[in-house]
C-alpha cells in the first residue's frame, strides 16, 4: 500500500478531502439500493433460483425502471431452468 500523502499528491486531492471521503456515509439513495439488493437476493434464493432477476426485482419493492435495470446488472442473478427445452426436428419426407 502507498502512503496517503503520496496518493493524495498523485490524485490531486487534499489529505483533508481524502479523510472526509473515507468517513462519509452513503447517500440515502445508495443505502436504499443496498437494502433492496439484499431483499432481491433473498427472494431469488427463496425461489430456489428459478425466478429471473427482473421478476425478483419487481417482487422486492416497486421502483423506477432505471433502478431495476441497475440492480439487475449489480446482482448477476441467473435463473435455473427446470426443464430442458424440447427440440423438435422437422418431419422426414
N, C-alpha and C. Protein backbone atom coordinates (compact mmCIF):
# COMPACT_ATOMS: atom_id res chain seq x y z
N UNK A 1 0.84 -1.17 0.00
CA UNK A 1 0.00 0.00 0.00
C UNK A 1 0.90 1.24 0.00
N UNK A 2 0.41 2.29 -0.60
CA UNK A 2 1.18 3.53 -0.72
C UNK A 2 0.81 4.48 0.42
N UNK A 3 1.72 5.35 0.79
CA UNK A 3 1.40 6.35 1.82
C UNK A 3 0.30 7.30 1.33
N UNK A 4 -0.53 7.72 2.26
CA UNK A 4 -1.66 8.61 1.94
C UNK A 4 -1.17 9.90 1.31
N UNK A 5 -0.08 10.45 1.81
CA UNK A 5 0.44 11.71 1.30
C UNK A 5 0.78 11.61 -0.19
N UNK A 6 1.43 10.53 -0.59
CA UNK A 6 1.81 10.35 -2.00
C UNK A 6 0.57 10.12 -2.86
N UNK A 7 -0.37 9.32 -2.38
CA UNK A 7 -1.59 9.08 -3.16
C UNK A 7 -2.36 10.39 -3.37
N UNK A 8 -2.47 11.19 -2.34
CA UNK A 8 -3.19 12.47 -2.47
C UNK A 8 -2.47 13.39 -3.44
N UNK A 9 -1.15 13.37 -3.41
CA UNK A 9 -0.38 14.21 -4.31
C UNK A 9 -0.57 13.78 -5.77
N UNK A 10 -0.55 12.49 -6.01
CA UNK A 10 -0.71 11.96 -7.37
C UNK A 10 -2.14 12.19 -7.87
N UNK A 11 -3.12 12.01 -7.00
CA UNK A 11 -4.53 12.14 -7.40
C UNK A 11 -5.05 13.58 -7.35
N UNK A 12 -4.18 14.49 -6.92
CA UNK A 12 -4.53 15.92 -6.84
C UNK A 12 -5.71 16.19 -5.92
N UNK A 13 -5.70 15.55 -4.76
CA UNK A 13 -6.71 15.81 -3.73
C UNK A 13 -5.98 16.16 -2.44
N UNK A 14 -6.65 16.89 -1.58
CA UNK A 14 -6.04 17.23 -0.29
C UNK A 14 -6.19 16.05 0.66
N UNK A 15 -5.32 15.99 1.64
CA UNK A 15 -5.42 14.93 2.64
C UNK A 15 -6.72 15.05 3.42
N UNK A 16 -7.12 16.29 3.74
CA UNK A 16 -8.37 16.50 4.46
C UNK A 16 -9.56 16.01 3.62
N UNK A 17 -9.51 16.27 2.30
CA UNK A 17 -10.57 15.79 1.42
C UNK A 17 -10.62 14.27 1.37
N UNK A 18 -9.46 13.64 1.36
CA UNK A 18 -9.41 12.16 1.36
C UNK A 18 -10.04 11.61 2.64
N UNK A 19 -9.65 12.15 3.78
CA UNK A 19 -10.19 11.64 5.05
C UNK A 19 -11.68 11.95 5.18
N UNK A 20 -12.14 13.06 4.64
CA UNK A 20 -13.57 13.36 4.65
C UNK A 20 -14.32 12.34 3.80
N UNK A 21 -13.73 11.96 2.66
CA UNK A 21 -14.35 10.96 1.79
C UNK A 21 -14.42 9.60 2.47
N UNK A 22 -13.35 9.23 3.20
CA UNK A 22 -13.30 7.94 3.88
C UNK A 22 -14.38 7.86 4.96
N UNK A 23 -14.61 8.97 5.65
CA UNK A 23 -15.56 8.99 6.77
C UNK A 23 -17.01 9.20 6.36
N UNK A 24 -17.28 9.58 5.12
CA UNK A 24 -18.65 9.94 4.74
C UNK A 24 -19.55 8.70 4.69
N UNK A 25 -20.82 8.92 4.97
CA UNK A 25 -21.84 7.87 4.93
C UNK A 25 -22.41 7.78 3.52
N UNK A 26 -22.91 6.60 3.13
CA UNK A 26 -23.54 6.51 1.81
C UNK A 26 -24.80 7.37 1.74
N UNK A 27 -25.12 7.82 0.55
CA UNK A 27 -26.32 8.64 0.37
C UNK A 27 -27.56 7.80 0.64
N UNK A 28 -28.69 8.44 0.93
CA UNK A 28 -29.93 7.68 1.16
C UNK A 28 -30.30 6.81 -0.04
N UNK A 29 -30.04 7.29 -1.25
CA UNK A 29 -30.36 6.52 -2.45
C UNK A 29 -29.49 5.25 -2.53
N UNK A 30 -28.20 5.39 -2.23
CA UNK A 30 -27.31 4.24 -2.24
C UNK A 30 -27.67 3.26 -1.13
N UNK A 31 -28.01 3.76 0.05
CA UNK A 31 -28.42 2.90 1.15
C UNK A 31 -29.68 2.12 0.79
N UNK A 32 -30.63 2.79 0.12
CA UNK A 32 -31.86 2.11 -0.30
C UNK A 32 -31.56 1.06 -1.36
N UNK A 33 -30.63 1.34 -2.29
CA UNK A 33 -30.23 0.34 -3.28
C UNK A 33 -29.63 -0.88 -2.63
N UNK A 34 -28.78 -0.68 -1.63
CA UNK A 34 -28.17 -1.82 -0.93
C UNK A 34 -29.22 -2.64 -0.19
N UNK A 35 -30.17 -1.95 0.44
CA UNK A 35 -31.24 -2.65 1.15
C UNK A 35 -32.11 -3.45 0.17
N UNK A 36 -32.42 -2.84 -0.96
CA UNK A 36 -33.22 -3.50 -1.97
C UNK A 36 -32.47 -4.68 -2.59
N UNK A 37 -31.15 -4.55 -2.74
CA UNK A 37 -30.35 -5.65 -3.28
C UNK A 37 -30.39 -6.86 -2.36
N UNK A 38 -30.36 -6.64 -1.05
CA UNK A 38 -30.45 -7.75 -0.10
C UNK A 38 -31.81 -8.44 -0.23
N UNK A 39 -32.89 -7.65 -0.34
CA UNK A 39 -34.23 -8.23 -0.49
C UNK A 39 -34.35 -9.02 -1.78
N UNK A 40 -33.75 -8.52 -2.84
CA UNK A 40 -33.82 -9.20 -4.14
C UNK A 40 -33.09 -10.54 -4.06
N UNK A 41 -31.89 -10.54 -3.47
CA UNK A 41 -31.13 -11.78 -3.37
C UNK A 41 -31.87 -12.80 -2.50
N UNK A 42 -32.48 -12.36 -1.40
CA UNK A 42 -33.23 -13.28 -0.54
C UNK A 42 -34.42 -13.87 -1.28
N UNK A 43 -35.14 -13.04 -2.03
CA UNK A 43 -36.29 -13.55 -2.80
C UNK A 43 -35.83 -14.54 -3.86
N UNK A 44 -34.70 -14.26 -4.48
CA UNK A 44 -34.16 -15.16 -5.51
C UNK A 44 -33.79 -16.50 -4.89
N UNK A 45 -33.14 -16.48 -3.73
CA UNK A 45 -32.76 -17.74 -3.08
C UNK A 45 -33.98 -18.47 -2.54
N UNK A 46 -34.99 -17.72 -2.08
CA UNK A 46 -36.23 -18.34 -1.59
C UNK A 46 -36.95 -19.08 -2.71
N UNK A 47 -36.80 -18.60 -3.92
CA UNK A 47 -37.48 -19.22 -5.06
C UNK A 47 -36.66 -20.37 -5.65
N UNK A 48 -35.60 -20.78 -4.95
CA UNK A 48 -34.70 -21.86 -5.39
C UNK A 48 -34.09 -21.53 -6.75
N UNK A 49 -33.75 -20.27 -6.94
CA UNK A 49 -33.07 -19.78 -8.14
C UNK A 49 -33.86 -20.03 -9.42
N UNK A 50 -35.19 -20.03 -9.32
CA UNK A 50 -36.00 -20.27 -10.51
C UNK A 50 -36.57 -18.98 -11.09
N UNK A 51 -36.57 -17.90 -10.32
CA UNK A 51 -37.08 -16.64 -10.84
C UNK A 51 -35.98 -15.89 -11.55
N UNK A 52 -36.31 -15.26 -12.64
CA UNK A 52 -35.36 -14.40 -13.32
C UNK A 52 -35.21 -13.09 -12.55
N UNK A 53 -34.12 -12.40 -12.77
CA UNK A 53 -33.85 -11.20 -11.99
C UNK A 53 -34.89 -10.09 -12.18
N UNK A 54 -35.46 -9.87 -13.39
CA UNK A 54 -36.47 -8.80 -13.48
C UNK A 54 -37.68 -9.06 -12.59
N UNK A 55 -38.12 -10.32 -12.53
CA UNK A 55 -39.28 -10.65 -11.71
C UNK A 55 -38.96 -10.52 -10.23
N UNK A 56 -37.77 -10.91 -9.83
CA UNK A 56 -37.39 -10.83 -8.43
C UNK A 56 -37.26 -9.37 -8.00
N UNK A 57 -36.71 -8.53 -8.86
CA UNK A 57 -36.57 -7.11 -8.52
C UNK A 57 -37.96 -6.51 -8.33
N UNK A 58 -38.89 -6.86 -9.16
CA UNK A 58 -40.24 -6.32 -9.03
C UNK A 58 -40.91 -6.84 -7.77
N UNK A 59 -40.58 -8.06 -7.35
CA UNK A 59 -41.16 -8.60 -6.13
C UNK A 59 -40.63 -7.88 -4.90
N UNK A 60 -39.37 -7.44 -4.95
CA UNK A 60 -38.73 -6.79 -3.80
C UNK A 60 -39.44 -5.53 -3.37
N UNK A 61 -39.71 -4.64 -4.28
CA UNK A 61 -40.38 -3.37 -3.98
C UNK A 61 -40.58 -2.62 -5.28
N UNK A 62 -41.71 -1.99 -5.46
CA UNK A 62 -41.88 -1.20 -6.68
C UNK A 62 -40.84 -0.10 -6.74
N UNK A 63 -40.22 0.05 -7.89
CA UNK A 63 -39.20 1.07 -8.05
C UNK A 63 -39.15 1.49 -9.51
N UNK A 64 -38.37 2.50 -9.79
CA UNK A 64 -38.26 3.02 -11.14
C UNK A 64 -37.56 2.02 -12.06
N UNK A 65 -37.85 2.12 -13.34
CA UNK A 65 -37.28 1.20 -14.33
C UNK A 65 -35.75 1.25 -14.34
N UNK A 66 -35.19 2.47 -14.25
CA UNK A 66 -33.73 2.60 -14.26
C UNK A 66 -33.10 1.94 -13.04
N UNK A 67 -33.75 2.05 -11.89
CA UNK A 67 -33.23 1.42 -10.67
C UNK A 67 -33.26 -0.10 -10.81
N UNK A 68 -34.35 -0.63 -11.35
CA UNK A 68 -34.42 -2.08 -11.56
C UNK A 68 -33.35 -2.54 -12.53
N UNK A 69 -33.10 -1.76 -13.59
CA UNK A 69 -32.07 -2.12 -14.56
C UNK A 69 -30.70 -2.11 -13.91
N UNK A 70 -30.43 -1.09 -13.10
CA UNK A 70 -29.14 -1.00 -12.44
C UNK A 70 -28.94 -2.16 -11.46
N UNK A 71 -29.99 -2.52 -10.72
CA UNK A 71 -29.87 -3.64 -9.78
C UNK A 71 -29.69 -4.97 -10.51
N UNK A 72 -30.33 -5.13 -11.66
CA UNK A 72 -30.13 -6.38 -12.41
C UNK A 72 -28.68 -6.54 -12.82
N UNK A 73 -28.02 -5.43 -13.17
CA UNK A 73 -26.61 -5.51 -13.55
C UNK A 73 -25.71 -5.62 -12.33
N UNK A 74 -26.15 -5.04 -11.21
CA UNK A 74 -25.37 -5.11 -9.99
C UNK A 74 -25.36 -6.53 -9.42
N UNK A 75 -26.50 -7.18 -9.47
CA UNK A 75 -26.64 -8.54 -8.95
C UNK A 75 -26.72 -9.52 -10.12
N UNK A 76 -25.66 -10.16 -10.46
CA UNK A 76 -25.72 -11.09 -11.61
C UNK A 76 -26.45 -12.37 -11.22
N UNK A 77 -27.77 -12.31 -11.17
CA UNK A 77 -28.57 -13.49 -10.83
C UNK A 77 -28.92 -14.23 -12.11
N UNK A 78 -28.67 -15.51 -12.13
CA UNK A 78 -29.04 -16.30 -13.31
C UNK A 78 -30.05 -17.34 -12.86
N UNK A 79 -31.18 -17.37 -13.53
CA UNK A 79 -32.22 -18.30 -13.15
C UNK A 79 -31.86 -19.72 -13.61
N UNK A 80 -32.36 -20.68 -12.85
CA UNK A 80 -32.10 -22.08 -13.13
C UNK A 80 -33.28 -22.60 -13.94
N UNK A 81 -33.01 -23.24 -15.05
CA UNK A 81 -34.07 -23.79 -15.88
C UNK A 81 -34.42 -25.17 -15.36
N UNK A 82 -35.72 -25.39 -15.13
CA UNK A 82 -36.15 -26.67 -14.57
C UNK A 82 -36.27 -27.76 -15.62
N UNK A 83 -36.64 -27.39 -16.82
CA UNK A 83 -36.83 -28.39 -17.87
C UNK A 83 -35.95 -28.06 -19.06
N UNK A 84 -35.51 -29.09 -19.71
CA UNK A 84 -34.77 -28.90 -20.95
C UNK A 84 -35.76 -28.52 -22.04
N UNK A 85 -35.42 -27.61 -22.90
CA UNK A 85 -36.33 -27.27 -23.99
C UNK A 85 -36.50 -28.46 -24.94
N UNK A 86 -37.70 -28.58 -25.45
CA UNK A 86 -37.98 -29.66 -26.40
C UNK A 86 -37.52 -29.21 -27.77
N UNK A 87 -36.66 -30.01 -28.36
CA UNK A 87 -36.16 -29.68 -29.70
C UNK A 87 -36.80 -30.65 -30.68
N UNK A 88 -37.62 -30.12 -31.52
CA UNK A 88 -38.32 -30.95 -32.48
C UNK A 88 -37.64 -30.85 -33.83
N UNK A 89 -37.53 -31.97 -34.46
CA UNK A 89 -36.94 -31.98 -35.79
C UNK A 89 -38.06 -31.94 -36.82
N UNK A 90 -37.78 -31.36 -37.96
CA UNK A 90 -38.82 -31.30 -39.00
C UNK A 90 -39.17 -32.73 -39.46
N UNK A 91 -40.42 -32.93 -39.89
CA UNK A 91 -40.82 -34.28 -40.35
C UNK A 91 -39.99 -34.73 -41.56
N UNK A 92 -39.71 -35.99 -41.59
CA UNK A 92 -38.91 -36.54 -42.69
C UNK A 92 -39.82 -36.79 -43.88
N UNK A 93 -39.33 -36.52 -45.06
CA UNK A 93 -40.15 -36.73 -46.27
C UNK A 93 -39.72 -37.95 -47.00
